[in-house]
């Protein structure tokens, strides 16, 4: 059991934006028309807000379970993003099974910190073929839906959908399946993640992931974000200090 869970590295819920458009844009109408205009506005909006979350903080509730082992756990932590985009956590409390805490939640947090800020994971035409699928209603507002197909099989890229708010052109929802598993012990990794637009900034709201493993079956992970503070960071030194408490307390 614990030998398998040592390898559990779960997908991250990081927002990575690009400042400009690269490569050829593929849409349902070719490289021009309304779909290309929507995509260009998304890339411009993403570039304008790429630094908006730096220096911010929020609380997170992370729930994880391994149904076949009948083990689960819930961790509450303060998540901080430094002025240069470094992510750190400070534990506020945990309830549940120790194995889930040490080998599932801790591995997820470590994976997120290691993957932060990688430009080759951004949703841009350099990394994805983006095909416009039309408009849809979400919670009483219109959204633009794009199908995403990665140009390469790279860990962290996914095949699925991105939904853009029709007013701000910022992402409000993503879902899909990762095209390359981070370990041979995973058969399939699927996820959904939602964002809320707060003062013109896309803020993480919720992420749910299901991992089909080869040895113990399904692993479920859910992350909820709350109490977003755009100026909640206390500088690079404070964030660096926050890394050790969570890693130490989760081992």
C-alpha atoms as a PDB file:
ATOM      1  CA  UNK A   1       0.000   0.000   0.000  1.00  0.00           C
ATOM      2  CA  UNK A   2       2.470   2.686   1.119  1.00  0.00           C
ATOM      3  CA  UNK A   3       5.011   1.543  -1.495  1.00  0.00           C
ATOM      4  CA  UNK A   4       2.519   2.389  -4.216  1.00  0.00           C
ATOM      5  CA  UNK A   5       1.397   5.661  -2.697  1.00  0.00           C
ATOM      6  CA  UNK A   6       4.985   6.909  -2.633  1.00  0.00           C
ATOM      7  CA  UNK A   7       4.585   7.413  -6.364  1.00  0.00           C
ATOM      8  CA  UNK A   8       1.359   9.394  -6.226  1.00  0.00           C
ATOM      9  CA  UNK A   9       2.090  12.784  -7.779  1.00  0.00           C
ATOM     10  CA  UNK A  10      -1.235  14.460  -8.506  1.00  0.00           C
ATOM     11  CA  UNK A  11      -2.018  17.066 -11.148  1.00  0.00           C
ATOM     12  CA  UNK A  12      -1.683  20.674 -10.179  1.00  0.00           C
ATOM     13  CA  UNK A  13      -4.191  23.533 -10.248  1.00  0.00           C
ATOM     14  CA  UNK A  14      -1.849  26.281 -11.360  1.00  0.00           C
ATOM     15  CA  UNK A  15      -2.955  29.170 -13.670  1.00  0.00           C
ATOM     16  CA  UNK A  16      -0.156  29.795 -16.208  1.00  0.00           C
ATOM     17  CA  UNK A  17      -0.673  32.673 -18.614  1.00  0.00           C
ATOM     18  CA  UNK A  18       1.216  33.920 -21.713  1.00  0.00           C
ATOM     19  CA  UNK A  19       1.875  37.490 -22.786  1.00  0.00           C
ATOM     20  CA  UNK A  20       1.541  36.991 -26.529  1.00  0.00           C
ATOM     21  CA  UNK A  21       0.266  34.610 -29.189  1.00  0.00           C
ATOM     22  CA  UNK A  22       2.609  32.071 -30.751  1.00  0.00           C
ATOM     23  CA  UNK A  23       2.138  29.799 -33.736  1.00  0.00           C
ATOM     24  CA  UNK A  24      -0.901  29.077 -35.871  1.00  0.00           C
ATOM     25  CA  UNK A  25      -4.381  29.355 -34.369  1.00  0.00           C
ATOM     26  CA  UNK A  26      -6.668  26.489 -35.370  1.00  0.00           C
ATOM     27  CA  UNK A  27     -10.398  27.144 -35.044  1.00  0.00           C
ATOM     28  CA  UNK A  28     -13.584  25.747 -36.498  1.00  0.00           C
ATOM     29  CA  UNK A  29     -13.596  28.606 -39.021  1.00  0.00           C
ATOM     30  CA  UNK A  30      -9.965  28.743 -40.014  1.00  0.00           C
ATOM     31  CA  UNK A  31      -7.499  31.363 -38.824  1.00  0.00           C
ATOM     32  CA  UNK A  32      -9.856  34.336 -39.154  1.00  0.00           C
ATOM     33  CA  UNK A  33     -13.378  35.322 -38.163  1.00  0.00           C
ATOM     34  CA  UNK A  34     -15.128  35.587 -34.783  1.00  0.00           C
ATOM     35  CA  UNK A  35     -13.380  32.556 -33.279  1.00  0.00           C
ATOM     36  CA  UNK A  36      -9.911  33.929 -33.987  1.00  0.00           C
ATOM     37  CA  UNK A  37     -10.988  37.302 -32.556  1.00  0.00           C
ATOM     38  CA  UNK A  38     -12.162  35.602 -29.336  1.00  0.00           C
ATOM     39  CA  UNK A  39      -8.893  33.724 -29.017  1.00  0.00           C
ATOM     40  CA  UNK A  40      -6.812  36.851 -29.604  1.00  0.00           C
ATOM     41  CA  UNK A  41      -8.782  38.679 -26.906  1.00  0.00           C
ATOM     42  CA  UNK A  42      -8.210  35.746 -24.523  1.00  0.00           C
ATOM     43  CA  UNK A  43      -4.457  35.864 -25.130  1.00  0.00           C
ATOM     44  CA  UNK A  44      -4.401  39.632 -24.625  1.00  0.00           C
ATOM     45  CA  UNK A  45      -6.463  39.397 -21.417  1.00  0.00           C
ATOM     46  CA  UNK A  46      -4.297  36.555 -20.106  1.00  0.00           C
ATOM     47  CA  UNK A  47      -1.150  38.551 -20.771  1.00  0.00           C
ATOM     48  CA  UNK A  48      -2.541  41.620 -19.015  1.00  0.00           C
ATOM     49  CA  UNK A  49      -3.387  39.594 -15.887  1.00  0.00           C
ATOM     50  CA  UNK A  50      -0.492  37.143 -15.780  1.00  0.00           C
ATOM     51  CA  UNK A  51       1.020  38.841 -12.724  1.00  0.00           C
ATOM     52  CA  UNK A  52      -2.280  39.577 -10.975  1.00  0.00           C
ATOM     53  CA  UNK A  53      -2.075  36.636  -8.562  1.00  0.00           C
ATOM     54  CA  UNK A  54       1.503  37.312  -7.519  1.00  0.00           C
ATOM     55  CA  UNK A  55       1.646  38.504  -3.928  1.00  0.00           C
ATOM     56  CA  UNK A  56      -1.803  37.041  -3.200  1.00  0.00           C
ATOM     57  CA  UNK A  57      -2.979  34.523  -0.612  1.00  0.00           C
ATOM     58  CA  UNK A  58      -6.001  32.261  -0.158  1.00  0.00           C
ATOM     59  CA  UNK A  59      -7.166  29.426   2.046  1.00  0.00           C
ATOM     60  CA  UNK A  60      -7.440  25.917   0.606  1.00  0.00           C
ATOM     61  CA  UNK A  61      -9.327  22.805   1.708  1.00  0.00           C
ATOM     62  CA  UNK A  62      -7.839  19.638   0.219  1.00  0.00           C
ATOM     63  CA  UNK A  63      -9.827  16.408   0.495  1.00  0.00           C
ATOM     64  CA  UNK A  64      -8.395  13.118  -0.735  1.00  0.00           C
ATOM     65  CA  UNK A  65      -9.549   9.515  -0.612  1.00  0.00           C
ATOM     66  CA  UNK A  66      -8.486   6.034  -1.715  1.00  0.00           C
ATOM     67  CA  UNK A  67     -11.854   4.162  -1.794  1.00  0.00           C
ATOM     68  CA  UNK A  68     -10.402   0.667  -2.160  1.00  0.00           C
ATOM     69  CA  UNK A  69      -8.330   1.198   0.982  1.00  0.00           C
ATOM     70  CA  UNK A  70     -11.199   2.993   2.749  1.00  0.00           C
ATOM     71  CA  UNK A  71      -8.833   5.806   3.693  1.00  0.00           C
ATOM     72  CA  UNK A  72      -9.378   9.544   3.418  1.00  0.00           C
ATOM     73  CA  UNK A  73      -8.201  12.862   4.795  1.00  0.00           C
ATOM     74  CA  UNK A  74      -8.817  16.600   4.762  1.00  0.00           C
ATOM     75  CA  UNK A  75      -6.208  19.316   5.092  1.00  0.00           C
ATOM     76  CA  UNK A  76      -6.730  23.058   5.507  1.00  0.00           C
ATOM     77  CA  UNK A  77      -3.867  25.376   4.637  1.00  0.00           C
ATOM     78  CA  UNK A  78      -2.938  28.939   3.727  1.00  0.00           C
ATOM     79  CA  UNK A  79      -1.670  29.161   0.150  1.00  0.00           C
ATOM     80  CA  UNK A  80       0.620  32.058  -0.714  1.00  0.00           C
ATOM     81  CA  UNK A  81       2.013  33.228  -4.026  1.00  0.00           C
ATOM     82  CA  UNK A  82       5.117  35.380  -3.738  1.00  0.00           C
ATOM     83  CA  UNK A  83       5.902  38.471  -5.815  1.00  0.00           C
ATOM     84  CA  UNK A  84       7.908  36.300  -8.212  1.00  0.00           C
ATOM     85  CA  UNK A  85       5.250  33.571  -8.463  1.00  0.00           C
ATOM     86  CA  UNK A  86       6.584  31.077  -5.896  1.00  0.00           C
ATOM     87  CA  UNK A  87       3.823  28.975  -4.279  1.00  0.00           C
ATOM     88  CA  UNK A  88       4.050  27.963  -0.628  1.00  0.00           C
ATOM     89  CA  UNK A  89       1.697  26.526   1.980  1.00  0.00           C
ATOM     90  CA  UNK A  90       1.252  26.666   5.748  1.00  0.00           C
ATOM     91  CA  UNK A  91      -0.835  23.955   7.404  1.00  0.00           C
ATOM     92  CA  UNK A  92      -3.825  25.109   9.471  1.00  0.00           C
ATOM     93  CA  UNK A  93      -5.185  21.659  10.351  1.00  0.00           C
ATOM     94  CA  UNK A  94      -5.667  18.055   9.225  1.00  0.00           C
ATOM     95  CA  UNK A  95      -8.177  15.289   9.894  1.00  0.00           C
ATOM     96  CA  UNK A  96      -8.056  11.745   8.585  1.00  0.00           C
ATOM     97  CA  UNK A  97      -5.687   8.883   7.791  1.00  0.00           C
ATOM     98  CA  UNK A  98      -1.962   9.452   8.037  1.00  0.00           C
ATOM     99  CA  UNK A  99      -1.210   7.593   4.795  1.00  0.00           C
ATOM    100  CA  UNK A 100      -3.481   9.922   2.823  1.00  0.00           C
ATOM    101  CA  UNK A 101      -1.862  12.950   4.475  1.00  0.00           C
ATOM    102  CA  UNK A 102       1.733  11.865   3.897  1.00  0.00           C
ATOM    103  CA  UNK A 103       1.518  10.038   0.590  1.00  0.00           C
ATOM    104  CA  UNK A 104      -1.337  11.719  -1.295  1.00  0.00           C
ATOM    105  CA  UNK A 105      -1.839  15.311  -0.114  1.00  0.00           C
ATOM    106  CA  UNK A 106       1.844  15.984   0.586  1.00  0.00           C
ATOM    107  CA  UNK A 107       2.774  14.625  -2.851  1.00  0.00           C
ATOM    108  CA  UNK A 108       0.172  16.855  -4.492  1.00  0.00           C
ATOM    109  CA  UNK A 109       1.560  19.962  -2.769  1.00  0.00           C
ATOM    110  CA  UNK A 110       5.119  19.055  -3.686  1.00  0.00           C
ATOM    111  CA  UNK A 111       4.125  18.499  -7.316  1.00  0.00           C
ATOM    112  CA  UNK A 112       2.425  21.898  -7.494  1.00  0.00           C
ATOM    113  CA  UNK A 113       5.474  23.672  -6.132  1.00  0.00           C
ATOM    114  CA  UNK A 114       7.817  21.856  -8.527  1.00  0.00           C
ATOM    115  CA  UNK A 115       5.657  22.618 -11.603  1.00  0.00           C
ATOM    116  CA  UNK A 116       5.062  26.314 -10.884  1.00  0.00           C
ATOM    117  CA  UNK A 117       5.695  28.836 -13.626  1.00  0.00           C
ATOM    118  CA  UNK A 118       6.509  26.479 -16.499  1.00  0.00           C
ATOM    119  CA  UNK A 119       5.733  28.309 -19.792  1.00  0.00           C
ATOM    120  CA  UNK A 120       5.512  25.051 -21.779  1.00  0.00           C
ATOM    121  CA  UNK A 121       2.257  24.230 -19.923  1.00  0.00           C
ATOM    122  CA  UNK A 122       0.433  27.465 -20.795  1.00  0.00           C
ATOM    123  CA  UNK A 123      -2.769  27.281 -22.864  1.00  0.00           C
ATOM    124  CA  UNK A 124      -1.425  29.023 -25.960  1.00  0.00           C
ATOM    125  CA  UNK A 125      -1.231  28.125 -29.672  1.00  0.00           C
ATOM    126  CA  UNK A 126       2.411  27.198 -29.083  1.00  0.00           C
ATOM    127  CA  UNK A 127       1.354  24.280 -26.886  1.00  0.00           C
ATOM    128  CA  UNK A 128      -2.184  23.501 -28.093  1.00  0.00           C
ATOM    129  CA  UNK A 129      -4.415  23.296 -31.125  1.00  0.00           C
ATOM    130  CA  UNK A 130      -7.454  25.347 -30.105  1.00  0.00           C
ATOM    131  CA  UNK A 131     -10.743  24.741 -31.907  1.00  0.00           C
ATOM    132  CA  UNK A 132     -13.737  26.983 -31.241  1.00  0.00           C
ATOM    133  CA  UNK A 133     -16.927  25.008 -30.449  1.00  0.00           C
ATOM    134  CA  UNK A 134     -19.392  27.855 -29.918  1.00  0.00           C
ATOM    135  CA  UNK A 135     -21.249  29.555 -27.061  1.00  0.00           C
ATOM    136  CA  UNK A 136     -22.759  27.952 -23.970  1.00  0.00           C
ATOM    137  CA  UNK A 137     -24.568  29.153 -20.860  1.00  0.00           C
ATOM    138  CA  UNK A 138     -22.898  28.834 -17.456  1.00  0.00           C
ATOM    139  CA  UNK A 139     -24.603  30.114 -14.284  1.00  0.00           C
ATOM    140  CA  UNK A 140     -26.663  32.639 -16.225  1.00  0.00           C
ATOM    141  CA  UNK A 141     -23.875  34.012 -18.380  1.00  0.00           C
ATOM    142  CA  UNK A 142     -22.512  33.227 -21.827  1.00  0.00           C
ATOM    143  CA  UNK A 143     -19.175  31.497 -22.256  1.00  0.00           C
ATOM    144  CA  UNK A 144     -17.050  30.634 -25.281  1.00  0.00           C
ATOM    145  CA  UNK A 145     -15.962  26.998 -25.508  1.00  0.00           C
ATOM    146  CA  UNK A 146     -12.687  25.815 -27.058  1.00  0.00           C
ATOM    147  CA  UNK A 147     -11.517  22.256 -27.585  1.00  0.00           C
ATOM    148  CA  UNK A 148      -7.862  21.776 -26.638  1.00  0.00           C
ATOM    149  CA  UNK A 149      -5.505  19.255 -28.219  1.00  0.00           C
ATOM    150  CA  UNK A 150      -1.844  19.317 -27.096  1.00  0.00           C
ATOM    151  CA  UNK A 151       0.763  19.593 -29.822  1.00  0.00           C
ATOM    152  CA  UNK A 152       3.084  17.276 -27.849  1.00  0.00           C
ATOM    153  CA  UNK A 153       2.625  14.497 -25.297  1.00  0.00           C
ATOM    154  CA  UNK A 154       4.115  16.309 -22.316  1.00  0.00           C
ATOM    155  CA  UNK A 155       3.429  15.833 -18.614  1.00  0.00           C
ATOM    156  CA  UNK A 156       1.020  18.577 -17.518  1.00  0.00           C
ATOM    157  CA  UNK A 157      -0.729  19.069 -20.882  1.00  0.00           C
ATOM    158  CA  UNK A 158      -4.295  17.846 -21.288  1.00  0.00           C
ATOM    159  CA  UNK A 159      -6.881  17.090 -23.959  1.00  0.00           C
ATOM    160  CA  UNK A 160     -10.226  18.671 -23.163  1.00  0.00           C
ATOM    161  CA  UNK A 161     -12.024  22.008 -23.025  1.00  0.00           C
ATOM    162  CA  UNK A 162     -11.518  25.598 -21.889  1.00  0.00           C
ATOM    163  CA  UNK A 163     -14.482  27.916 -21.262  1.00  0.00           C
ATOM    164  CA  UNK A 164     -13.968  31.699 -21.487  1.00  0.00           C
ATOM    165  CA  UNK A 165     -16.129  34.391 -19.922  1.00  0.00           C
ATOM    166  CA  UNK A 166     -17.765  36.323 -22.781  1.00  0.00           C
ATOM    167  CA  UNK A 167     -17.117  39.693 -21.129  1.00  0.00           C
ATOM    168  CA  UNK A 168     -13.558  39.431 -19.796  1.00  0.00           C
ATOM    169  CA  UNK A 169     -12.320  36.628 -22.126  1.00  0.00           C
ATOM    170  CA  UNK A 170     -10.700  34.999 -19.100  1.00  0.00           C
ATOM    171  CA  UNK A 171     -11.027  31.278 -18.222  1.00  0.00           C
ATOM    172  CA  UNK A 172     -13.854  30.233 -15.910  1.00  0.00           C
ATOM    173  CA  UNK A 173     -13.733  26.452 -16.397  1.00  0.00           C
ATOM    174  CA  UNK A 174     -11.411  23.746 -17.719  1.00  0.00           C
ATOM    175  CA  UNK A 175     -11.769  19.999 -17.895  1.00  0.00           C
ATOM    176  CA  UNK A 176      -9.936  17.148 -19.528  1.00  0.00           C
ATOM    177  CA  UNK A 177      -7.580  14.210 -19.358  1.00  0.00           C
ATOM    178  CA  UNK A 178      -3.822  14.480 -19.084  1.00  0.00           C
ATOM    179  CA  UNK A 179      -2.128  13.116 -22.205  1.00  0.00           C
ATOM    180  CA  UNK A 180       0.932  11.796 -20.389  1.00  0.00           C
ATOM    181  CA  UNK A 181       0.812  10.242 -16.942  1.00  0.00           C
ATOM    182  CA  UNK A 182       3.508  11.297 -14.442  1.00  0.00           C
ATOM    183  CA  UNK A 183       4.126   7.644 -13.452  1.00  0.00           C
ATOM    184  CA  UNK A 184       3.551   4.165 -14.898  1.00  0.00           C
ATOM    185  CA  UNK A 185       1.294   3.398 -11.931  1.00  0.00           C
ATOM    186  CA  UNK A 186      -1.405   5.708 -13.358  1.00  0.00           C
ATOM    187  CA  UNK A 187      -3.712   4.486 -16.110  1.00  0.00           C
ATOM    188  CA  UNK A 188      -5.732   7.703 -16.500  1.00  0.00           C
ATOM    189  CA  UNK A 189      -5.914  11.150 -14.891  1.00  0.00           C
ATOM    190  CA  UNK A 190      -9.037  13.302 -15.369  1.00  0.00           C
ATOM    191  CA  UNK A 191      -9.842  16.664 -13.797  1.00  0.00           C
ATOM    192  CA  UNK A 192     -12.192  19.653 -13.699  1.00  0.00           C
ATOM    193  CA  UNK A 193     -11.245  23.087 -12.402  1.00  0.00           C
ATOM    194  CA  UNK A 194     -13.255  26.273 -12.033  1.00  0.00           C
ATOM    195  CA  UNK A 195     -12.258  29.935 -11.661  1.00  0.00           C
ATOM    196  CA  UNK A 196     -14.190  32.981 -10.503  1.00  0.00           C
ATOM    197  CA  UNK A 197     -13.546  36.443 -11.951  1.00  0.00           C
ATOM    198  CA  UNK A 198     -12.857  38.835  -9.086  1.00  0.00           C
ATOM    199  CA  UNK A 199     -12.011  42.463  -9.921  1.00  0.00           C
ATOM    200  CA  UNK A 200     -10.936  41.419 -13.390  1.00  0.00           C
ATOM    201  CA  UNK A 201      -8.726  38.570 -12.166  1.00  0.00           C
ATOM    202  CA  UNK A 202      -9.332  34.805 -12.668  1.00  0.00           C
ATOM    203  CA  UNK A 203      -9.099  33.304  -9.170  1.00  0.00           C
ATOM    204  CA  UNK A 204      -9.010  29.534  -8.506  1.00  0.00           C
ATOM    205  CA  UNK A 205     -12.299  28.348  -7.019  1.00  0.00           C
ATOM    206  CA  UNK A 206     -12.350  24.549  -7.142  1.00  0.00           C
ATOM    207  CA  UNK A 207     -10.480  21.605  -8.627  1.00  0.00           C
ATOM    208  CA  UNK A 208     -11.516  17.939  -8.676  1.00  0.00           C
ATOM    209  CA  UNK A 209      -9.368  15.121 -10.008  1.00  0.00           C
ATOM    210  CA  UNK A 210      -9.860  11.370 -10.450  1.00  0.00           C
ATOM    211  CA  UNK A 211      -6.874   9.097 -10.962  1.00  0.00           C
ATOM    212  CA  UNK A 212      -7.250   5.495 -12.107  1.00  0.00           C
ATOM    213  CA  UNK A 213      -4.252   3.575 -10.775  1.00  0.00           C
ATOM    214  CA  UNK A 214      -2.924   0.145 -11.657  1.00  0.00           C
ATOM    215  CA  UNK A 215      -2.648  -1.197  -8.118  1.00  0.00           C
ATOM    216  CA  UNK A 216      -5.272   0.288  -5.811  1.00  0.00           C
ATOM    217  CA  UNK A 217      -7.901   1.541  -8.241  1.00  0.00           C
ATOM    218  CA  UNK A 218      -9.357   5.018  -7.941  1.00  0.00           C
ATOM    219  CA  UNK A 219      -7.846   7.999  -6.102  1.00  0.00           C
ATOM    220  CA  UNK A 220     -10.024  11.117  -5.696  1.00  0.00           C
ATOM    221  CA  UNK A 221      -8.743  14.608  -4.910  1.00  0.00           C
ATOM    222  CA  UNK A 222     -10.756  17.794  -4.371  1.00  0.00           C
ATOM    223  CA  UNK A 223      -9.372  21.278  -3.706  1.00  0.00           C
ATOM    224  CA  UNK A 224     -11.551  24.262  -2.706  1.00  0.00           C
ATOM    225  CA  UNK A 225     -10.209  27.831  -2.510  1.00  0.00           C
ATOM    226  CA  UNK A 226     -11.605  30.659  -0.342  1.00  0.00           C
ATOM    227  CA  UNK A 227     -10.813  34.030   1.261  1.00  0.00           C
ATOM    228  CA  UNK A 228      -8.741  35.321  -1.638  1.00  0.00           C
ATOM    229  CA  UNK A 229      -6.615  38.351  -0.693  1.00  0.00           C
ATOM    230  CA  UNK A 230      -4.816  40.011  -3.635  1.00  0.00           C
ATOM    231  CA  UNK A 231      -2.205  41.589  -1.351  1.00  0.00           C
ATOM    232  CA  UNK A 232      -2.042  38.741   1.148  1.00  0.00           C
ATOM    233  CA  UNK A 233       1.602  37.845   0.506  1.00  0.00           C
ATOM    234  CA  UNK A 234       4.197  39.169   2.918  1.00  0.00           C
ATOM    235  CA  UNK A 235       7.195  39.149   0.656  1.00  0.00           C
ATOM    236  CA  UNK A 236       9.606  36.534  -0.627  1.00  0.00           C
ATOM    237  CA  UNK A 237      11.246  35.880   2.763  1.00  0.00           C
ATOM    238  CA  UNK A 238       7.929  35.081   4.463  1.00  0.00           C
ATOM    239  CA  UNK A 239       6.920  32.711   1.669  1.00  0.00           C
ATOM    240  CA  UNK A 240      10.227  30.874   1.851  1.00  0.00           C
ATOM    241  CA  UNK A 241       9.702  30.312   5.562  1.00  0.00           C
ATOM    242  CA  UNK A 242       6.253  28.847   4.880  1.00  0.00           C
ATOM    243  CA  UNK A 243       7.585  25.936   2.830  1.00  0.00           C
ATOM    244  CA  UNK A 244       9.283  24.067   5.661  1.00  0.00           C
ATOM    245  CA  UNK A 245       6.347  23.881   8.129  1.00  0.00           C
ATOM    246  CA  UNK A 246       4.073  22.117   5.653  1.00  0.00           C
ATOM    247  CA  UNK A 247       6.681  19.689   4.372  1.00  0.00           C
ATOM    248  CA  UNK A 248       7.856  18.905   7.869  1.00  0.00           C
ATOM    249  CA  UNK A 249       4.361  18.426   9.287  1.00  0.00           C
ATOM    250  CA  UNK A 250       3.262  16.159   6.429  1.00  0.00           C
ATOM    251  CA  UNK A 251       6.054  13.618   6.748  1.00  0.00           C
END
